């Protein structure tokens, strides 16, 4: 993906999270759980990848591949949690109710 296109997609994801986060409190279900976790995880993945690329790749060139493996495993865990458990938004509400 071209850098300018990637930057635009990052901005769209970041701005759309402003609407998705409050909506996740009121509209619960599998679709909202998957949408919320996908956008938040993409945002975090891209941010951390930027930090690793800017500061660590010149010293540890293989770190970006390790980050992809960690990201894939983490996202698979979140999807598994959404499918086989209460879902991310319900889990956050349960934590807040403590």
PDB file of N, CA and C in Angstrom:
ATOM      1  N   UNK A   1       0.846  -1.171   0.000  1.00  0.00           N
ATOM      2  CA  UNK A   1       0.000   0.000   0.000  1.00  0.00           C
ATOM      3  C   UNK A   1       0.895   1.239   0.000  1.00  0.00           C
ATOM      4  N   UNK A   2       0.491   2.220  -0.770  1.00  0.00           N
ATOM      5  CA  UNK A   2       1.264   3.456  -0.826  1.00  0.00           C
ATOM      6  C   UNK A   2       1.176   4.187   0.513  1.00  0.00           C
ATOM      7  N   UNK A   3       2.189   4.960   0.828  1.00  0.00           N
ATOM      8  CA  UNK A   3       2.247   5.648   2.120  1.00  0.00           C
ATOM      9  C   UNK A   3       1.098   6.630   2.291  1.00  0.00           C
ATOM     10  N   UNK A   4       0.736   7.356   1.243  1.00  0.00           N
ATOM     11  CA  UNK A   4      -0.346   8.330   1.368  1.00  0.00           C
ATOM     12  C   UNK A   4      -1.682   7.633   1.583  1.00  0.00           C
ATOM     13  N   UNK A   5      -1.897   6.509   0.923  1.00  0.00           N
ATOM     14  CA  UNK A   5      -3.134   5.749   1.111  1.00  0.00           C
ATOM     15  C   UNK A   5      -3.179   5.170   2.519  1.00  0.00           C
ATOM     16  N   UNK A   6      -2.057   4.655   2.974  1.00  0.00           N
ATOM     17  CA  UNK A   6      -2.000   4.092   4.323  1.00  0.00           C
ATOM     18  C   UNK A   6      -2.293   5.172   5.367  1.00  0.00           C
ATOM     19  N   UNK A   7      -1.754   6.358   5.167  1.00  0.00           N
ATOM     20  CA  UNK A   7      -1.994   7.449   6.103  1.00  0.00           C
ATOM     21  C   UNK A   7      -3.475   7.814   6.138  1.00  0.00           C
ATOM     22  N   UNK A   8      -4.115   7.854   4.968  1.00  0.00           N
ATOM     23  CA  UNK A   8      -5.548   8.171   4.907  1.00  0.00           C
ATOM     24  C   UNK A   8      -6.382   7.109   5.615  1.00  0.00           C
ATOM     25  N   UNK A   9      -6.038   5.851   5.417  1.00  0.00           N
ATOM     26  CA  UNK A   9      -6.769   4.772   6.074  1.00  0.00           C
ATOM     27  C   UNK A   9      -6.570   4.851   7.588  1.00  0.00           C
ATOM     28  N   UNK A  10      -5.370   5.161   8.039  1.00  0.00           N
ATOM     29  CA  UNK A  10      -5.127   5.327   9.477  1.00  0.00           C
ATOM     30  C   UNK A  10      -5.994   6.446  10.055  1.00  0.00           C
ATOM     31  N   UNK A  11      -6.093   7.555   9.355  1.00  0.00           N
ATOM     32  CA  UNK A  11      -6.911   8.678   9.837  1.00  0.00           C
ATOM     33  C   UNK A  11      -8.391   8.302   9.855  1.00  0.00           C
ATOM     34  N   UNK A  12      -8.854   7.579   8.855  1.00  0.00           N
ATOM     35  CA  UNK A  12     -10.262   7.152   8.820  1.00  0.00           C
ATOM     36  C   UNK A  12     -10.561   6.228   9.986  1.00  0.00           C
ATOM     37  N   UNK A  13      -9.660   5.295  10.260  1.00  0.00           N
ATOM     38  CA  UNK A  13      -9.847   4.383  11.393  1.00  0.00           C
ATOM     39  C   UNK A  13      -9.857   5.165  12.702  1.00  0.00           C
ATOM     40  N   UNK A  14      -8.938   6.113  12.868  1.00  0.00           N
ATOM     41  CA  UNK A  14      -8.858   6.885  14.109  1.00  0.00           C
ATOM     42  C   UNK A  14     -10.112   7.733  14.318  1.00  0.00           C
ATOM     43  N   UNK A  15     -10.590   8.380  13.277  1.00  0.00           N
ATOM     44  CA  UNK A  15     -11.786   9.230  13.413  1.00  0.00           C
ATOM     45  C   UNK A  15     -13.030   8.378  13.617  1.00  0.00           C
ATOM     46  N   UNK A  16     -13.116   7.245  12.946  1.00  0.00           N
ATOM     47  CA  UNK A  16     -14.307   6.403  13.111  1.00  0.00           C
ATOM     48  C   UNK A  16     -14.379   5.795  14.510  1.00  0.00           C
ATOM     49  N   UNK A  17     -13.231   5.658  15.174  1.00  0.00           N
ATOM     50  CA  UNK A  17     -13.261   5.152  16.548  1.00  0.00           C
ATOM     51  C   UNK A  17     -13.964   6.118  17.492  1.00  0.00           C
ATOM     52  N   UNK A  18     -14.000   7.396  17.146  1.00  0.00           N
ATOM     53  CA  UNK A  18     -14.727   8.364  17.977  1.00  0.00           C
ATOM     54  C   UNK A  18     -16.209   8.053  18.026  1.00  0.00           C
ATOM     55  N   UNK A  19     -16.745   7.471  16.973  1.00  0.00           N
ATOM     56  CA  UNK A  19     -18.145   7.078  16.963  1.00  0.00           C
ATOM     57  C   UNK A  19     -18.370   5.657  17.434  1.00  0.00           C
ATOM     58  N   UNK A  20     -17.412   4.785  17.159  1.00  0.00           N
ATOM     59  CA  UNK A  20     -17.579   3.374  17.509  1.00  0.00           C
ATOM     60  C   UNK A  20     -17.499   3.153  19.017  1.00  0.00           C
ATOM     61  N   UNK A  21     -16.609   3.863  19.695  1.00  0.00           N
ATOM     62  CA  UNK A  21     -16.441   3.636  21.136  1.00  0.00           C
ATOM     63  C   UNK A  21     -17.710   3.946  21.932  1.00  0.00           C
ATOM     64  N   UNK A  22     -18.341   5.112  21.751  1.00  0.00           N
ATOM     65  CA  UNK A  22     -19.588   5.333  22.487  1.00  0.00           C
ATOM     66  C   UNK A  22     -20.717   4.421  22.021  1.00  0.00           C
ATOM     67  N   UNK A  23     -20.755   4.110  20.735  1.00  0.00           N
ATOM     68  CA  UNK A  23     -21.806   3.232  20.223  1.00  0.00           C
ATOM     69  C   UNK A  23     -21.692   1.839  20.814  1.00  0.00           C
ATOM     70  N   UNK A  24     -20.473   1.399  21.112  1.00  0.00           N
ATOM     71  CA  UNK A  24     -20.270   0.068  21.680  1.00  0.00           C
ATOM     72  C   UNK A  24     -20.891  -0.063  23.066  1.00  0.00           C
ATOM     73  N   UNK A  25     -21.071   1.042  23.758  1.00  0.00           N
ATOM     74  CA  UNK A  25     -21.709   0.993  25.073  1.00  0.00           C
ATOM     75  C   UNK A  25     -23.203   0.714  24.971  1.00  0.00           C
ATOM     76  N   UNK A  26     -23.822   1.182  23.898  1.00  0.00           N
ATOM     77  CA  UNK A  26     -25.271   1.089  23.771  1.00  0.00           C
ATOM     78  C   UNK A  26     -25.732  -0.018  22.832  1.00  0.00           C
ATOM     79  N   UNK A  27     -24.977  -0.287  21.799  1.00  0.00           N
ATOM     80  CA  UNK A  27     -25.330  -1.323  20.828  1.00  0.00           C
ATOM     81  C   UNK A  27     -24.387  -2.495  21.044  1.00  0.00           C
ATOM     82  N   UNK A  28     -24.910  -3.549  21.655  1.00  0.00           N
ATOM     83  CA  UNK A  28     -24.054  -4.693  21.940  1.00  0.00           C
ATOM     84  C   UNK A  28     -24.439  -5.855  21.043  1.00  0.00           C
ATOM     85  N   UNK A  29     -23.447  -6.639  20.737  1.00  0.00           N
ATOM     86  CA  UNK A  29     -23.657  -7.808  19.896  1.00  0.00           C
ATOM     87  C   UNK A  29     -22.363  -8.208  19.232  1.00  0.00           C
ATOM     88  N   UNK A  30     -22.382  -9.318  18.535  1.00  0.00           N
ATOM     89  CA  UNK A  30     -21.154  -9.811  17.913  1.00  0.00           C
ATOM     90  C   UNK A  30     -20.585  -8.864  16.862  1.00  0.00           C
ATOM     91  N   UNK A  31     -21.440  -8.231  16.084  1.00  0.00           N
ATOM     92  CA  UNK A  31     -20.940  -7.321  15.056  1.00  0.00           C
ATOM     93  C   UNK A  31     -20.209  -6.134  15.673  1.00  0.00           C
ATOM     94  N   UNK A  32     -20.778  -5.557  16.707  1.00  0.00           N
ATOM     95  CA  UNK A  32     -20.133  -4.420  17.368  1.00  0.00           C
ATOM     96  C   UNK A  32     -18.843  -4.849  18.055  1.00  0.00           C
ATOM     97  N   UNK A  33     -18.840  -6.033  18.660  1.00  0.00           N
ATOM     98  CA  UNK A  33     -17.617  -6.535  19.300  1.00  0.00           C
ATOM     99  C   UNK A  33     -16.491  -6.684  18.285  1.00  0.00           C
ATOM    100  N   UNK A  34     -16.808  -7.280  17.141  1.00  0.00           N
ATOM    101  CA  UNK A  34     -15.776  -7.475  16.119  1.00  0.00           C
ATOM    102  C   UNK A  34     -15.334  -6.150  15.516  1.00  0.00           C
ATOM    103  N   UNK A  35     -16.264  -5.253  15.275  1.00  0.00           N
ATOM    104  CA  UNK A  35     -15.916  -3.944  14.716  1.00  0.00           C
ATOM    105  C   UNK A  35     -15.033  -3.167  15.684  1.00  0.00           C
ATOM    106  N   UNK A  36     -15.422  -3.144  16.940  1.00  0.00           N
ATOM    107  CA  UNK A  36     -14.675  -2.411  17.964  1.00  0.00           C
ATOM    108  C   UNK A  36     -13.265  -2.979  18.135  1.00  0.00           C
ATOM    109  N   UNK A  37     -13.154  -4.289  18.300  1.00  0.00           N
ATOM    110  CA  UNK A  37     -11.832  -4.880  18.519  1.00  0.00           C
ATOM    111  C   UNK A  37     -10.949  -4.741  17.278  1.00  0.00           C
ATOM    112  N   UNK A  38     -11.527  -4.842  16.090  1.00  0.00           N
ATOM    113  CA  UNK A  38     -10.735  -4.703  14.870  1.00  0.00           C
ATOM    114  C   UNK A  38     -10.161  -3.300  14.750  1.00  0.00           C
ATOM    115  N   UNK A  39     -10.988  -2.285  14.961  1.00  0.00           N
ATOM    116  CA  UNK A  39     -10.517  -0.911  14.794  1.00  0.00           C
ATOM    117  C   UNK A  39      -9.517  -0.529  15.880  1.00  0.00           C
ATOM    118  N   UNK A  40      -9.789  -0.895  17.114  1.00  0.00           N
ATOM    119  CA  UNK A  40      -8.854  -0.569  18.199  1.00  0.00           C
ATOM    120  C   UNK A  40      -7.529  -1.317  18.006  1.00  0.00           C
ATOM    121  N   UNK A  41      -7.611  -2.574  17.591  1.00  0.00           N
ATOM    122  CA  UNK A  41      -6.388  -3.343  17.400  1.00  0.00           C
ATOM    123  C   UNK A  41      -5.578  -2.833  16.215  1.00  0.00           C
ATOM    124  N   UNK A  42      -6.257  -2.482  15.114  1.00  0.00           N
ATOM    125  CA  UNK A  42      -5.550  -1.903  13.969  1.00  0.00           C
ATOM    126  C   UNK A  42      -4.845  -0.608  14.354  1.00  0.00           C
ATOM    127  N   UNK A  43      -5.548   0.227  15.091  1.00  0.00           N
ATOM    128  CA  UNK A  43      -4.975   1.505  15.514  1.00  0.00           C
ATOM    129  C   UNK A  43      -3.723   1.285  16.374  1.00  0.00           C
ATOM    130  N   UNK A  44      -3.813   0.370  17.311  1.00  0.00           N
ATOM    131  CA  UNK A  44      -2.666   0.067  18.170  1.00  0.00           C
ATOM    132  C   UNK A  44      -1.530  -0.604  17.416  1.00  0.00           C
ATOM    133  N   UNK A  45      -1.879  -1.505  16.502  1.00  0.00           N
ATOM    134  CA  UNK A  45      -0.851  -2.196  15.711  1.00  0.00           C
ATOM    135  C   UNK A  45      -0.066  -1.201  14.869  1.00  0.00           C
ATOM    136  N   UNK A  46      -0.779  -0.325  14.165  1.00  0.00           N
ATOM    137  CA  UNK A  46      -0.099   0.655  13.319  1.00  0.00           C
ATOM    138  C   UNK A  46       0.741   1.627  14.131  1.00  0.00           C
ATOM    139  N   UNK A  47       0.237   2.029  15.291  1.00  0.00           N
ATOM    140  CA  UNK A  47       1.000   2.945  16.139  1.00  0.00           C
ATOM    141  C   UNK A  47       2.283   2.313  16.645  1.00  0.00           C
ATOM    142  N   UNK A  48       2.178   1.102  17.141  1.00  0.00           N
ATOM    143  CA  UNK A  48       3.362   0.417  17.661  1.00  0.00           C
ATOM    144  C   UNK A  48       4.325   0.067  16.534  1.00  0.00           C
ATOM    145  N   UNK A  49       3.808  -0.282  15.369  1.00  0.00           N
ATOM    146  CA  UNK A  49       4.670  -0.564  14.217  1.00  0.00           C
ATOM    147  C   UNK A  49       5.454   0.683  13.819  1.00  0.00           C
ATOM    148  N   UNK A  50       4.799   1.833  13.900  1.00  0.00           N
ATOM    149  CA  UNK A  50       5.503   3.087  13.602  1.00  0.00           C
ATOM    150  C   UNK A  50       6.638   3.351  14.572  1.00  0.00           C
ATOM    151  N   UNK A  51       6.388   3.099  15.842  1.00  0.00           N
ATOM    152  CA  UNK A  51       7.441   3.290  16.854  1.00  0.00           C
ATOM    153  C   UNK A  51       8.589   2.323  16.605  1.00  0.00           C
ATOM    154  N   UNK A  52       8.272   1.054  16.361  1.00  0.00           N
ATOM    155  CA  UNK A  52       9.324   0.064  16.112  1.00  0.00           C
ATOM    156  C   UNK A  52      10.121   0.403  14.856  1.00  0.00           C
ATOM    157  N   UNK A  53       9.422   0.826  13.801  1.00  0.00           N
ATOM    158  CA  UNK A  53      10.098   1.166  12.553  1.00  0.00           C
ATOM    159  C   UNK A  53      10.998   2.379  12.729  1.00  0.00           C
ATOM    160  N   UNK A  54      10.540   3.360  13.471  1.00  0.00           N
ATOM    161  CA  UNK A  54      11.325   4.579  13.639  1.00  0.00           C
ATOM    162  C   UNK A  54      12.536   4.400  14.547  1.00  0.00           C
ATOM    163  N   UNK A  55      12.407   3.575  15.588  1.00  0.00           N
ATOM    164  CA  UNK A  55      13.452   3.543  16.599  1.00  0.00           C
ATOM    165  C   UNK A  55      14.219   2.228  16.731  1.00  0.00           C
ATOM    166  N   UNK A  56      13.615   1.092  16.425  1.00  0.00           N
ATOM    167  CA  UNK A  56      14.303  -0.170  16.711  1.00  0.00           C
ATOM    168  C   UNK A  56      14.768  -0.943  15.493  1.00  0.00           C
ATOM    169  N   UNK A  57      14.154  -0.748  14.333  1.00  0.00           N
ATOM    170  CA  UNK A  57      14.486  -1.566  13.164  1.00  0.00           C
ATOM    171  C   UNK A  57      15.948  -1.424  12.763  1.00  0.00           C
ATOM    172  N   UNK A  58      16.523  -0.247  12.945  1.00  0.00           N
ATOM    173  CA  UNK A  58      17.933  -0.100  12.557  1.00  0.00           C
ATOM    174  C   UNK A  58      18.883  -0.884  13.463  1.00  0.00           C
ATOM    175  N   UNK A  59      18.446  -1.185  14.688  1.00  0.00           N
ATOM    176  CA  UNK A  59      19.287  -1.948  15.610  1.00  0.00           C
ATOM    177  C   UNK A  59      18.918  -3.435  15.628  1.00  0.00           C
ATOM    178  N   UNK A  60      17.626  -3.726  15.526  1.00  0.00           N
ATOM    179  CA  UNK A  60      17.125  -5.101  15.561  1.00  0.00           C
ATOM    180  C   UNK A  60      16.227  -5.290  14.336  1.00  0.00           C
ATOM    181  N   UNK A  61      16.792  -5.686  13.187  1.00  0.00           N
ATOM    182  CA  UNK A  61      16.005  -5.707  11.951  1.00  0.00           C
ATOM    183  C   UNK A  61      14.844  -6.703  11.954  1.00  0.00           C
ATOM    184  N   UNK A  62      14.906  -7.757  12.723  1.00  0.00           N
ATOM    185  CA  UNK A  62      13.861  -8.774  12.726  1.00  0.00           C
ATOM    186  C   UNK A  62      12.690  -8.430  13.640  1.00  0.00           C
ATOM    187  N   UNK A  63      12.748  -7.313  14.349  1.00  0.00           N
ATOM    188  CA  UNK A  63      11.708  -6.975  15.317  1.00  0.00           C
ATOM    189  C   UNK A  63      10.357  -6.739  14.644  1.00  0.00           C
ATOM    190  N   UNK A  64      10.355  -6.238  13.410  1.00  0.00           N
ATOM    191  CA  UNK A  64       9.087  -5.995  12.734  1.00  0.00           C
ATOM    192  C   UNK A  64       8.365  -7.300  12.426  1.00  0.00           C
ATOM    193  N   UNK A  65       9.094  -8.370  12.126  1.00  0.00           N
ATOM    194  CA  UNK A  65       8.460  -9.659  11.873  1.00  0.00           C
ATOM    195  C   UNK A  65       7.914 -10.253  13.165  1.00  0.00           C
ATOM    196  N   UNK A  66       8.637 -10.069  14.250  1.00  0.00           N
ATOM    197  CA  UNK A  66       8.144 -10.513  15.555  1.00  0.00           C
ATOM    198  C   UNK A  66       6.870  -9.758  15.920  1.00  0.00           C
ATOM    199  N   UNK A  67       6.820  -8.472  15.599  1.00  0.00           N
ATOM    200  CA  UNK A  67       5.633  -7.677  15.904  1.00  0.00           C
ATOM    201  C   UNK A  67       4.422  -8.173  15.119  1.00  0.00           C
ATOM    202  N   UNK A  68       4.623  -8.579  13.864  1.00  0.00           N
ATOM    203  CA  UNK A  68       3.517  -9.136  13.086  1.00  0.00           C
ATOM    204  C   UNK A  68       3.007 -10.434  13.704  1.00  0.00           C
ATOM    205  N   UNK A  69       3.903 -11.283  14.163  1.00  0.00           N
ATOM    206  CA  UNK A  69       3.493 -12.541  14.800  1.00  0.00           C
ATOM    207  C   UNK A  69       2.713 -12.244  16.084  1.00  0.00           C
ATOM    208  N   UNK A  70       3.221 -11.335  16.902  1.00  0.00           N
ATOM    209  CA  UNK A  70       2.537 -10.968  18.144  1.00  0.00           C
ATOM    210  C   UNK A  70       1.160 -10.381  17.839  1.00  0.00           C
ATOM    211  N   UNK A  71       1.069  -9.552  16.820  1.00  0.00           N
ATOM    212  CA  UNK A  71      -0.206  -8.928  16.463  1.00  0.00           C
ATOM    213  C   UNK A  71      -1.218  -9.951  15.974  1.00  0.00           C
ATOM    214  N   UNK A  72      -0.778 -10.881  15.157  1.00  0.00           N
ATOM    215  CA  UNK A  72      -1.698 -11.902  14.644  1.00  0.00           C
ATOM    216  C   UNK A  72      -2.211 -12.781  15.774  1.00  0.00           C
ATOM    217  N   UNK A  73      -1.330 -13.187  16.664  1.00  0.00           N
ATOM    218  CA  UNK A  73      -1.738 -14.025  17.793  1.00  0.00           C
ATOM    219  C   UNK A  73      -2.678 -13.251  18.722  1.00  0.00           C
ATOM    220  N   UNK A  74      -2.377 -11.996  18.989  1.00  0.00           N
ATOM    221  CA  UNK A  74      -3.236 -11.185  19.850  1.00  0.00           C
ATOM    222  C   UNK A  74      -4.604 -10.947  19.248  1.00  0.00           C
ATOM    223  N   UNK A  75      -4.659 -10.660  17.955  1.00  0.00           N
ATOM    224  CA  UNK A  75      -5.942 -10.441  17.299  1.00  0.00           C
ATOM    225  C   UNK A  75      -6.751 -11.734  17.251  1.00  0.00           C
ATOM    226  N   UNK A  76      -6.091 -12.858  17.009  1.00  0.00           N
ATOM    227  CA  UNK A  76      -6.785 -14.147  17.030  1.00  0.00           C
ATOM    228  C   UNK A  76      -7.368 -14.422  18.423  1.00  0.00           C
ATOM    229  N   UNK A  77      -6.635 -14.047  19.465  1.00  0.00           N
ATOM    230  CA  UNK A  77      -7.152 -14.211  20.824  1.00  0.00           C
ATOM    231  C   UNK A  77      -8.368 -13.353  21.084  1.00  0.00           C
ATOM    232  N   UNK A  78      -8.364 -12.113  20.588  1.00  0.00           N
ATOM    233  CA  UNK A  78      -9.534 -11.254  20.763  1.00  0.00           C
ATOM    234  C   UNK A  78     -10.743 -11.777  20.001  1.00  0.00           C
ATOM    235  N   UNK A  79     -10.536 -12.253  18.791  1.00  0.00           N
ATOM    236  CA  UNK A  79     -11.639 -12.823  18.019  1.00  0.00           C
ATOM    237  C   UNK A  79     -12.181 -14.065  18.722  1.00  0.00           C
ATOM    238  N   UNK A  80     -11.291 -14.894  19.242  1.00  0.00           N
ATOM    239  CA  UNK A  80     -11.717 -16.067  19.997  1.00  0.00           C
ATOM    240  C   UNK A  80     -12.531 -15.653  21.227  1.00  0.00           C
ATOM    241  N   UNK A  81     -12.103 -14.614  21.907  1.00  0.00           N
ATOM    242  CA  UNK A  81     -12.832 -14.118  23.073  1.00  0.00           C
ATOM    243  C   UNK A  81     -14.215 -13.608  22.669  1.00  0.00           C
ATOM    244  N   UNK A  82     -14.300 -12.924  21.535  1.00  0.00           N
ATOM    245  CA  UNK A  82     -15.590 -12.422  21.075  1.00  0.00           C
ATOM    246  C   UNK A  82     -16.540 -13.552  20.685  1.00  0.00           C
ATOM    247  N   UNK A  83     -16.011 -14.605  20.102  1.00  0.00           N
ATOM    248  CA  UNK A  83     -16.859 -15.696  19.616  1.00  0.00           C
ATOM    249  C   UNK A  83     -17.232 -16.658  20.733  1.00  0.00           C
ATOM    250  N   UNK A  84     -16.280 -17.018  21.561  1.00  0.00           N
ATOM    251  CA  UNK A  84     -16.499 -18.089  22.542  1.00  0.00           C
ATOM    252  C   UNK A  84     -16.757 -17.619  23.964  1.00  0.00           C
ATOM    253  N   UNK A  85     -16.795 -16.330  24.203  1.00  0.00           N
ATOM    254  CA  UNK A  85     -17.045 -15.822  25.550  1.00  0.00           C
ATOM    255  C   UNK A  85     -18.064 -14.694  25.450  1.00  0.00           C
ATOM    256  N   UNK A  86     -18.097 -13.799  26.409  1.00  0.00           N
ATOM    257  CA  UNK A  86     -19.130 -12.763  26.450  1.00  0.00           C
ATOM    258  C   UNK A  86     -18.922 -11.660  25.433  1.00  0.00           C
ATOM    259  N   UNK A  87     -17.747 -11.517  24.887  1.00  0.00           N
ATOM    260  CA  UNK A  87     -17.459 -10.434  23.947  1.00  0.00           C
ATOM    261  C   UNK A  87     -16.762  -9.289  24.656  1.00  0.00           C
ATOM    262  N   UNK A  88     -16.077  -8.477  23.872  1.00  0.00           N
ATOM    263  CA  UNK A  88     -15.234  -7.434  24.446  1.00  0.00           C
ATOM    264  C   UNK A  88     -16.046  -6.344  25.127  1.00  0.00           C
ATOM    265  N   UNK A  89     -17.099  -5.863  24.483  1.00  0.00           N
ATOM    266  CA  UNK A  89     -17.861  -4.759  25.080  1.00  0.00           C
ATOM    267  C   UNK A  89     -18.566  -5.185  26.363  1.00  0.00           C
ATOM    268  N   UNK A  90     -19.087  -6.396  26.391  1.00  0.00           N
ATOM    269  CA  UNK A  90     -19.739  -6.900  27.604  1.00  0.00           C
ATOM    270  C   UNK A  90     -18.696  -7.109  28.712  1.00  0.00           C
ATOM    271  N   UNK A  91     -17.510  -7.558  28.353  1.00  0.00           N
ATOM    272  CA  UNK A  91     -16.445  -7.751  29.340  1.00  0.00           C
ATOM    273  C   UNK A  91     -16.029  -6.418  29.960  1.00  0.00           C
ATOM    274  N   UNK A  92     -15.936  -5.368  29.137  1.00  0.00           N
ATOM    275  CA  UNK A  92     -15.596  -4.045  29.668  1.00  0.00           C
ATOM    276  C   UNK A  92     -16.688  -3.557  30.610  1.00  0.00           C
ATOM    277  N   UNK A  93     -17.936  -3.761  30.255  1.00  0.00           N
ATOM    278  CA  UNK A  93     -19.031  -3.375  31.149  1.00  0.00           C
ATOM    279  C   UNK A  93     -19.005  -4.162  32.452  1.00  0.00           C
ATOM    280  N   UNK A  94     -18.652  -5.440  32.377  1.00  0.00           N
ATOM    281  CA  UNK A  94     -18.570  -6.233  33.587  1.00  0.00           C
ATOM    282  C   UNK A  94     -17.444  -5.743  34.497  1.00  0.00           C
ATOM    283  N   UNK A  95     -16.335  -5.344  33.920  1.00  0.00           N
ATOM    284  CA  UNK A  95     -15.220  -4.804  34.716  1.00  0.00           C
ATOM    285  C   UNK A  95     -15.624  -3.488  35.352  1.00  0.00           C
ATOM    286  N   UNK A  96     -16.314  -2.616  34.594  1.00  0.00           N
ATOM    287  CA  UNK A  96     -16.744  -1.323  35.133  1.00  0.00           C
ATOM    288  C   UNK A  96     -17.764  -1.470  36.254  1.00  0.00           C
ATOM    289  N   UNK A  97     -18.535  -2.566  36.252  1.00  0.00           N
ATOM    290  CA  UNK A  97     -19.562  -2.744  37.271  1.00  0.00           C
ATOM    291  C   UNK A  97     -19.000  -3.257  38.599  1.00  0.00           C
ATOM    292  N   UNK A  98     -17.719  -3.592  38.634  1.00  0.00           N
ATOM    293  CA  UNK A  98     -17.122  -4.080  39.892  1.00  0.00           C
ATOM    294  C   UNK A  98     -17.095  -3.034  40.953  1.00  0.00           C
TER     295      UNK A  98
END
